[in-house]
């Protein structure tokens, strides 16, 4: 598979979405991720479903309930499933090797949690010179002691919009803008061929 872009879906696992750990706009975030994943598949672009593997920690043990993906998250056999072991998806995982093999330079990033794994992965990807699009309404977190979840999300979207780019760039766009851009590029390709 050769693809200049890939969709990363980070930690949309049952153990992160419990009554004790409610997340902001879970239903909306899952629906937007499902739609984006379907668009990526239609275009032949990779969808990488990332699951935290906490084997040995007692939480998110591989193949246990909390490790499983949310039932509402739609996956396909063509998706790439990837384990991660720290907040940063790149740490000790095969992500970099996969992206290199596919020729991927552009990452669309979604998932949970905004202020932990999504943030760490974005920082790491930027330092590795990827072009990054953060889906502004495609990531979520829970309330923190000093800030409600919606404000945490708003804060990080602002931070990412104002980061100094590397050889790659970073932008934050909402779901609607991203899907319109994908649809218009798809129509251009259909018209040209």
C-alpha atoms as a PDB file:
ATOM      1  CA  UNK A   1       0.000   0.000   0.000  1.00  0.00           C
ATOM      2  CA  UNK A   2       1.318   3.420  -0.953  1.00  0.00           C
ATOM      3  CA  UNK A   3      -0.426   6.408   0.570  1.00  0.00           C
ATOM      4  CA  UNK A   4       0.683   9.915   1.360  1.00  0.00           C
ATOM      5  CA  UNK A   5      -1.886  10.206   4.181  1.00  0.00           C
ATOM      6  CA  UNK A   6      -3.150   8.062   7.053  1.00  0.00           C
ATOM      7  CA  UNK A   7      -5.854   8.375   9.705  1.00  0.00           C
ATOM      8  CA  UNK A   8      -4.777   7.656  13.288  1.00  0.00           C
ATOM      9  CA  UNK A   9      -7.536   6.604  15.712  1.00  0.00           C
ATOM     10  CA  UNK A  10      -6.026   6.627  19.195  1.00  0.00           C
ATOM     11  CA  UNK A  11      -7.289   4.659  22.224  1.00  0.00           C
ATOM     12  CA  UNK A  12     -11.007   4.497  21.521  1.00  0.00           C
ATOM     13  CA  UNK A  13     -11.186   1.650  24.032  1.00  0.00           C
ATOM     14  CA  UNK A  14     -13.879   0.557  26.473  1.00  0.00           C
ATOM     15  CA  UNK A  15     -11.690   1.152  29.523  1.00  0.00           C
ATOM     16  CA  UNK A  16     -11.403   4.863  28.688  1.00  0.00           C
ATOM     17  CA  UNK A  17     -15.166   5.358  28.344  1.00  0.00           C
ATOM     18  CA  UNK A  18     -16.759   4.168  31.588  1.00  0.00           C
ATOM     19  CA  UNK A  19     -19.264   5.814  33.953  1.00  0.00           C
ATOM     20  CA  UNK A  20     -16.251   6.672  36.167  1.00  0.00           C
ATOM     21  CA  UNK A  21     -14.380   8.192  33.200  1.00  0.00           C
ATOM     22  CA  UNK A  22     -17.018  10.003  31.097  1.00  0.00           C
ATOM     23  CA  UNK A  23     -15.696  11.724  27.988  1.00  0.00           C
ATOM     24  CA  UNK A  24     -16.937  14.864  26.288  1.00  0.00           C
ATOM     25  CA  UNK A  25     -19.237  14.284  23.273  1.00  0.00           C
ATOM     26  CA  UNK A  26     -18.366  10.579  22.981  1.00  0.00           C
ATOM     27  CA  UNK A  27     -21.222   9.817  20.593  1.00  0.00           C
ATOM     28  CA  UNK A  28     -20.346  12.733  18.297  1.00  0.00           C
ATOM     29  CA  UNK A  29     -16.616  11.983  18.305  1.00  0.00           C
ATOM     30  CA  UNK A  30     -17.189   8.308  17.471  1.00  0.00           C
ATOM     31  CA  UNK A  31     -19.606   9.229  14.650  1.00  0.00           C
ATOM     32  CA  UNK A  32     -17.098  11.680  13.151  1.00  0.00           C
ATOM     33  CA  UNK A  33     -14.255   9.153  13.385  1.00  0.00           C
ATOM     34  CA  UNK A  34     -16.447   6.508  11.709  1.00  0.00           C
ATOM     35  CA  UNK A  35     -17.266   8.860   8.840  1.00  0.00           C
ATOM     36  CA  UNK A  36     -13.631   9.895   8.358  1.00  0.00           C
ATOM     37  CA  UNK A  37     -12.489   6.267   8.451  1.00  0.00           C
ATOM     38  CA  UNK A  38     -15.057   5.358   5.780  1.00  0.00           C
ATOM     39  CA  UNK A  39     -13.809   8.226   3.563  1.00  0.00           C
ATOM     40  CA  UNK A  40     -10.200   7.146   4.029  1.00  0.00           C
ATOM     41  CA  UNK A  41     -11.044   3.562   3.115  1.00  0.00           C
ATOM     42  CA  UNK A  42     -12.934   4.723  -0.013  1.00  0.00           C
ATOM     43  CA  UNK A  43      -9.822   6.605  -1.105  1.00  0.00           C
ATOM     44  CA  UNK A  44      -7.478   3.696  -0.373  1.00  0.00           C
ATOM     45  CA  UNK A  45      -5.759   5.548   2.486  1.00  0.00           C
ATOM     46  CA  UNK A  46      -4.745   3.641   5.638  1.00  0.00           C
ATOM     47  CA  UNK A  47      -6.828   3.702   8.793  1.00  0.00           C
ATOM     48  CA  UNK A  48      -4.664   2.894  11.811  1.00  0.00           C
ATOM     49  CA  UNK A  49      -6.603   1.786  14.881  1.00  0.00           C
ATOM     50  CA  UNK A  50      -4.371   2.191  17.936  1.00  0.00           C
ATOM     51  CA  UNK A  51      -4.979   0.437  21.257  1.00  0.00           C
ATOM     52  CA  UNK A  52      -3.082   1.007  24.468  1.00  0.00           C
ATOM     53  CA  UNK A  53      -1.565  -2.280  25.618  1.00  0.00           C
ATOM     54  CA  UNK A  54      -0.948  -2.144  29.348  1.00  0.00           C
ATOM     55  CA  UNK A  55       0.024  -5.782  29.660  1.00  0.00           C
ATOM     56  CA  UNK A  56       1.622  -6.294  33.065  1.00  0.00           C
ATOM     57  CA  UNK A  57       0.063  -3.172  34.591  1.00  0.00           C
ATOM     58  CA  UNK A  58      -3.332  -4.624  35.466  1.00  0.00           C
ATOM     59  CA  UNK A  59      -5.112  -2.146  33.199  1.00  0.00           C
ATOM     60  CA  UNK A  60      -5.752  -2.371  29.468  1.00  0.00           C
ATOM     61  CA  UNK A  61      -4.353  -5.893  29.485  1.00  0.00           C
ATOM     62  CA  UNK A  62      -4.437  -7.177  25.911  1.00  0.00           C
ATOM     63  CA  UNK A  63      -7.691  -9.014  25.063  1.00  0.00           C
ATOM     64  CA  UNK A  64      -9.393  -7.946  28.311  1.00  0.00           C
ATOM     65  CA  UNK A  65     -12.619  -5.926  28.304  1.00  0.00           C
ATOM     66  CA  UNK A  66     -11.001  -2.541  28.996  1.00  0.00           C
ATOM     67  CA  UNK A  67      -8.515  -3.087  26.134  1.00  0.00           C
ATOM     68  CA  UNK A  68     -11.292  -3.752  23.580  1.00  0.00           C
ATOM     69  CA  UNK A  69     -12.437  -1.090  21.136  1.00  0.00           C
ATOM     70  CA  UNK A  70     -15.762   0.659  21.688  1.00  0.00           C
ATOM     71  CA  UNK A  71     -18.610  -1.323  20.142  1.00  0.00           C
ATOM     72  CA  UNK A  72     -19.743   1.803  18.268  1.00  0.00           C
ATOM     73  CA  UNK A  73     -16.367   2.269  16.563  1.00  0.00           C
ATOM     74  CA  UNK A  74     -16.621   0.824  13.062  1.00  0.00           C
ATOM     75  CA  UNK A  75     -13.562  -1.085  11.904  1.00  0.00           C
ATOM     76  CA  UNK A  76     -12.831  -3.090   8.777  1.00  0.00           C
ATOM     77  CA  UNK A  77     -10.445  -5.987   8.122  1.00  0.00           C
ATOM     78  CA  UNK A  78      -8.385  -3.643   5.919  1.00  0.00           C
ATOM     79  CA  UNK A  79      -7.612  -1.381   8.903  1.00  0.00           C
ATOM     80  CA  UNK A  80      -4.217  -1.659  10.545  1.00  0.00           C
ATOM     81  CA  UNK A  81      -4.410  -2.540  14.239  1.00  0.00           C
ATOM     82  CA  UNK A  82      -1.498  -1.267  16.306  1.00  0.00           C
ATOM     83  CA  UNK A  83      -0.577  -1.637  19.973  1.00  0.00           C
ATOM     84  CA  UNK A  84       0.963   1.254  21.875  1.00  0.00           C
ATOM     85  CA  UNK A  85       2.768   1.209  25.206  1.00  0.00           C
ATOM     86  CA  UNK A  86       3.012   4.848  26.324  1.00  0.00           C
ATOM     87  CA  UNK A  87       1.195   8.119  25.692  1.00  0.00           C
ATOM     88  CA  UNK A  88       3.181   8.653  22.484  1.00  0.00           C
ATOM     89  CA  UNK A  89       1.990   6.168  19.861  1.00  0.00           C
ATOM     90  CA  UNK A  90       5.445   6.203  18.228  1.00  0.00           C
ATOM     91  CA  UNK A  91       7.160   4.891  21.389  1.00  0.00           C
ATOM     92  CA  UNK A  92       8.205   1.233  20.897  1.00  0.00           C
ATOM     93  CA  UNK A  93       5.469   0.659  18.300  1.00  0.00           C
ATOM     94  CA  UNK A  94       5.688  -0.129  14.598  1.00  0.00           C
ATOM     95  CA  UNK A  95       3.966   3.106  13.542  1.00  0.00           C
ATOM     96  CA  UNK A  96       7.021   4.833  12.101  1.00  0.00           C
ATOM     97  CA  UNK A  97       7.987   1.727  10.093  1.00  0.00           C
ATOM     98  CA  UNK A  98       4.464   1.383   8.709  1.00  0.00           C
ATOM     99  CA  UNK A  99       4.264   5.050   7.705  1.00  0.00           C
ATOM    100  CA  UNK A 100       7.673   4.841   6.019  1.00  0.00           C
ATOM    101  CA  UNK A 101       6.681   1.688   4.123  1.00  0.00           C
ATOM    102  CA  UNK A 102       3.490   3.388   2.911  1.00  0.00           C
ATOM    103  CA  UNK A 103       5.288   6.624   1.983  1.00  0.00           C
ATOM    104  CA  UNK A 104       3.003   8.519   4.363  1.00  0.00           C
ATOM    105  CA  UNK A 105       3.834  12.103   5.249  1.00  0.00           C
ATOM    106  CA  UNK A 106       0.409  13.427   6.263  1.00  0.00           C
ATOM    107  CA  UNK A 107      -1.384  12.300   9.432  1.00  0.00           C
ATOM    108  CA  UNK A 108      -4.979  12.997  10.359  1.00  0.00           C
ATOM    109  CA  UNK A 109      -5.202  12.548  14.135  1.00  0.00           C
ATOM    110  CA  UNK A 110      -8.252  11.608  16.223  1.00  0.00           C
ATOM    111  CA  UNK A 111      -8.959   9.773  19.464  1.00  0.00           C
ATOM    112  CA  UNK A 112      -8.703   9.823  23.245  1.00  0.00           C
ATOM    113  CA  UNK A 113      -7.452  11.453  25.420  1.00  0.00           C
ATOM    114  CA  UNK A 114      -6.832  14.967  24.151  1.00  0.00           C
ATOM    115  CA  UNK A 115      -4.468  15.943  26.967  1.00  0.00           C
ATOM    116  CA  UNK A 116      -2.536  12.688  27.153  1.00  0.00           C
ATOM    117  CA  UNK A 117      -2.123  10.282  24.234  1.00  0.00           C
ATOM    118  CA  UNK A 118      -3.423  12.585  21.497  1.00  0.00           C
ATOM    119  CA  UNK A 119      -1.204  15.451  22.700  1.00  0.00           C
ATOM    120  CA  UNK A 120       1.907  13.260  23.115  1.00  0.00           C
ATOM    121  CA  UNK A 121       1.459  11.744  19.660  1.00  0.00           C
ATOM    122  CA  UNK A 122       0.974  15.121  17.993  1.00  0.00           C
ATOM    123  CA  UNK A 123       4.128  16.522  19.620  1.00  0.00           C
ATOM    124  CA  UNK A 124       6.093  13.422  18.595  1.00  0.00           C
ATOM    125  CA  UNK A 125       4.784  13.456  15.012  1.00  0.00           C
ATOM    126  CA  UNK A 126       5.636  17.148  14.664  1.00  0.00           C
ATOM    127  CA  UNK A 127       9.195  16.492  15.864  1.00  0.00           C
ATOM    128  CA  UNK A 128       9.411  13.778  13.181  1.00  0.00           C
ATOM    129  CA  UNK A 129       8.465  16.297  10.449  1.00  0.00           C
ATOM    130  CA  UNK A 130       5.041  14.880   9.544  1.00  0.00           C
ATOM    131  CA  UNK A 131       2.313  17.121   8.163  1.00  0.00           C
ATOM    132  CA  UNK A 132      -0.439  16.934  10.765  1.00  0.00           C
ATOM    133  CA  UNK A 133      -4.125  17.706  10.668  1.00  0.00           C
ATOM    134  CA  UNK A 134      -5.803  17.505  14.049  1.00  0.00           C
ATOM    135  CA  UNK A 135      -9.550  16.929  13.793  1.00  0.00           C
ATOM    136  CA  UNK A 136     -10.706  19.694  16.159  1.00  0.00           C
ATOM    137  CA  UNK A 137     -13.929  17.874  17.053  1.00  0.00           C
ATOM    138  CA  UNK A 138     -12.531  14.369  16.558  1.00  0.00           C
ATOM    139  CA  UNK A 139     -10.735  13.945  19.883  1.00  0.00           C
ATOM    140  CA  UNK A 140     -12.044  13.843  23.428  1.00  0.00           C
ATOM    141  CA  UNK A 141     -11.141  13.762  27.104  1.00  0.00           C
ATOM    142  CA  UNK A 142     -12.755  13.906  30.527  1.00  0.00           C
ATOM    143  CA  UNK A 143     -13.106  16.713  33.044  1.00  0.00           C
ATOM    144  CA  UNK A 144      -9.910  17.514  34.902  1.00  0.00           C
ATOM    145  CA  UNK A 145      -9.716  18.866  38.487  1.00  0.00           C
ATOM    146  CA  UNK A 146      -9.063  22.407  37.265  1.00  0.00           C
ATOM    147  CA  UNK A 147     -10.828  22.472  33.872  1.00  0.00           C
ATOM    148  CA  UNK A 148     -13.915  20.928  32.263  1.00  0.00           C
ATOM    149  CA  UNK A 149     -13.288  18.599  29.290  1.00  0.00           C
ATOM    150  CA  UNK A 150     -14.699  21.010  26.712  1.00  0.00           C
ATOM    151  CA  UNK A 151     -12.213  23.690  27.837  1.00  0.00           C
ATOM    152  CA  UNK A 152      -9.316  21.186  27.806  1.00  0.00           C
ATOM    153  CA  UNK A 153     -10.171  20.352  24.180  1.00  0.00           C
ATOM    154  CA  UNK A 154     -10.516  24.032  23.276  1.00  0.00           C
ATOM    155  CA  UNK A 155      -7.171  24.777  24.946  1.00  0.00           C
ATOM    156  CA  UNK A 156      -5.251  22.057  23.104  1.00  0.00           C
ATOM    157  CA  UNK A 157      -6.808  22.965  19.759  1.00  0.00           C
ATOM    158  CA  UNK A 158      -5.522  26.509  20.364  1.00  0.00           C
ATOM    159  CA  UNK A 159      -2.055  25.251  21.407  1.00  0.00           C
ATOM    160  CA  UNK A 160      -1.719  23.050  18.304  1.00  0.00           C
ATOM    161  CA  UNK A 161      -2.834  25.889  16.000  1.00  0.00           C
ATOM    162  CA  UNK A 162      -0.052  28.045  17.406  1.00  0.00           C
ATOM    163  CA  UNK A 163       2.837  25.576  17.446  1.00  0.00           C
ATOM    164  CA  UNK A 164       6.015  26.317  15.529  1.00  0.00           C
ATOM    165  CA  UNK A 165       6.079  24.039  12.491  1.00  0.00           C
ATOM    166  CA  UNK A 166       9.022  21.816  11.661  1.00  0.00           C
ATOM    167  CA  UNK A 167       9.723  20.572   8.136  1.00  0.00           C
ATOM    168  CA  UNK A 168       6.142  19.385   8.380  1.00  0.00           C
ATOM    169  CA  UNK A 169       3.217  21.559   9.312  1.00  0.00           C
ATOM    170  CA  UNK A 170       0.328  21.367  11.735  1.00  0.00           C
ATOM    171  CA  UNK A 171      -3.211  22.605  11.389  1.00  0.00           C
ATOM    172  CA  UNK A 172      -6.430  22.128  13.309  1.00  0.00           C
ATOM    173  CA  UNK A 173      -9.618  21.790  11.283  1.00  0.00           C
ATOM    174  CA  UNK A 174     -13.124  20.727  12.164  1.00  0.00           C
ATOM    175  CA  UNK A 175     -14.756  17.590  10.815  1.00  0.00           C
ATOM    176  CA  UNK A 176     -17.000  19.455   8.382  1.00  0.00           C
ATOM    177  CA  UNK A 177     -14.091  21.303   6.731  1.00  0.00           C
ATOM    178  CA  UNK A 178     -12.027  18.122   6.455  1.00  0.00           C
ATOM    179  CA  UNK A 179     -14.832  16.068   4.913  1.00  0.00           C
ATOM    180  CA  UNK A 180     -15.612  18.834   2.402  1.00  0.00           C
ATOM    181  CA  UNK A 181     -11.935  18.922   1.389  1.00  0.00           C
ATOM    182  CA  UNK A 182     -11.810  15.127   0.992  1.00  0.00           C
ATOM    183  CA  UNK A 183     -15.063  15.127  -1.000  1.00  0.00           C
ATOM    184  CA  UNK A 184     -13.859  17.936  -3.301  1.00  0.00           C
ATOM    185  CA  UNK A 185     -10.527  16.137  -3.923  1.00  0.00           C
ATOM    186  CA  UNK A 186     -12.427  12.922  -4.608  1.00  0.00           C
ATOM    187  CA  UNK A 187     -14.640  14.758  -7.138  1.00  0.00           C
ATOM    188  CA  UNK A 188     -11.538  16.309  -8.786  1.00  0.00           C
ATOM    189  CA  UNK A 189     -10.023  12.840  -9.190  1.00  0.00           C
ATOM    190  CA  UNK A 190     -13.269  11.493 -10.637  1.00  0.00           C
ATOM    191  CA  UNK A 191     -13.530  14.382 -13.103  1.00  0.00           C
ATOM    192  CA  UNK A 192      -9.899  14.112 -14.212  1.00  0.00           C
ATOM    193  CA  UNK A 193      -9.935  10.370 -14.849  1.00  0.00           C
END
